[in-house]
């Protein structure tokens, strides 16, 4: 317990907190990019499908 109260122990705790925070930030960034990329890909796929449907059955005016 004395080690954690010493300046070296406090520095190690701070470094540990920074490392955990950095890893967490990387994970969050990866998750957001992956989710956004999947949604963007789905939207593009829907546009292509809609274009094919419109081409096969044009609307009469």
Protein backbone atom coordinates (compact mmCIF):
# COMPACT_ATOMS: atom_id res chain seq x y z
CA UNK A 1 0.00 0.00 0.00
CA UNK A 2 2.91 2.33 0.68
CA UNK A 3 4.11 1.81 -2.90
CA UNK A 4 0.84 3.12 -4.31
CA UNK A 5 1.15 6.23 -2.14
CA UNK A 6 4.71 6.93 -3.29
CA UNK A 7 5.40 9.17 -6.29
CA UNK A 8 6.48 6.14 -8.35
CA UNK A 9 3.27 4.31 -7.54
CA UNK A 10 1.14 7.33 -8.39
CA UNK A 11 3.01 7.72 -11.69
CA UNK A 12 2.37 4.06 -12.52
CA UNK A 13 -1.32 4.44 -11.70
CA UNK A 14 -1.57 7.53 -13.94
CA UNK A 15 0.23 5.74 -16.79
CA UNK A 16 -2.15 2.79 -16.38
CA UNK A 17 -5.19 5.06 -16.50
CA UNK A 18 -3.86 6.79 -19.63
CA UNK A 19 -3.21 3.42 -21.33
CA UNK A 20 -6.70 2.14 -20.50
CA UNK A 21 -8.20 5.40 -21.78
CA UNK A 22 -6.20 5.22 -25.01
CA UNK A 23 -7.20 1.61 -25.64
CA UNK A 24 -10.83 2.52 -24.93
CA UNK A 25 -10.68 5.47 -27.34
CA UNK A 26 -9.21 3.25 -30.07
CA UNK A 27 -11.93 0.65 -29.53
CA UNK A 28 -14.70 3.25 -29.64
CA UNK A 29 -13.27 4.80 -32.83
CA UNK A 30 -13.06 1.36 -34.48
CA UNK A 31 -16.63 0.50 -33.47
CA UNK A 32 -18.06 3.79 -34.74
CA UNK A 33 -16.20 3.57 -38.05
CA UNK A 34 -17.29 -0.03 -38.55
CA UNK A 35 -20.93 0.75 -37.77
CA UNK A 36 -20.95 3.88 -39.97
CA UNK A 37 -19.22 2.00 -42.79
CA UNK A 38 -21.78 -0.82 -42.64
CA UNK A 39 -24.67 1.66 -42.69
CA UNK A 40 -23.14 3.53 -45.62
CA UNK A 41 -22.64 0.27 -47.52
CA UNK A 42 -26.26 -0.73 -46.86
CA UNK A 43 -27.52 2.62 -48.17
CA UNK A 44 -25.48 2.24 -51.34
CA UNK A 45 -26.82 -1.29 -51.83
CA UNK A 46 -30.40 -0.05 -51.41
CA UNK A 47 -29.80 2.70 -53.99
CA UNK A 48 -28.51 0.13 -56.49
CA UNK A 49 -31.49 -2.15 -55.85
CA UNK A 50 -33.94 0.74 -56.22
CA UNK A 51 -32.29 1.76 -59.50
CA UNK A 52 -32.70 -1.80 -60.79
CA UNK A 53 -36.37 -1.87 -59.74
CA UNK A 54 -37.00 1.49 -61.39
CA UNK A 55 -35.33 0.29 -64.57
CA UNK A 56 -37.40 -2.90 -64.71
CA UNK A 57 -40.73 -1.27 -63.93
CA UNK A 58 -40.74 2.37 -65.02
CA UNK A 59 -43.52 4.54 -63.66
CA UNK A 60 -46.22 5.59 -66.10
CA UNK A 61 -47.07 9.27 -66.08
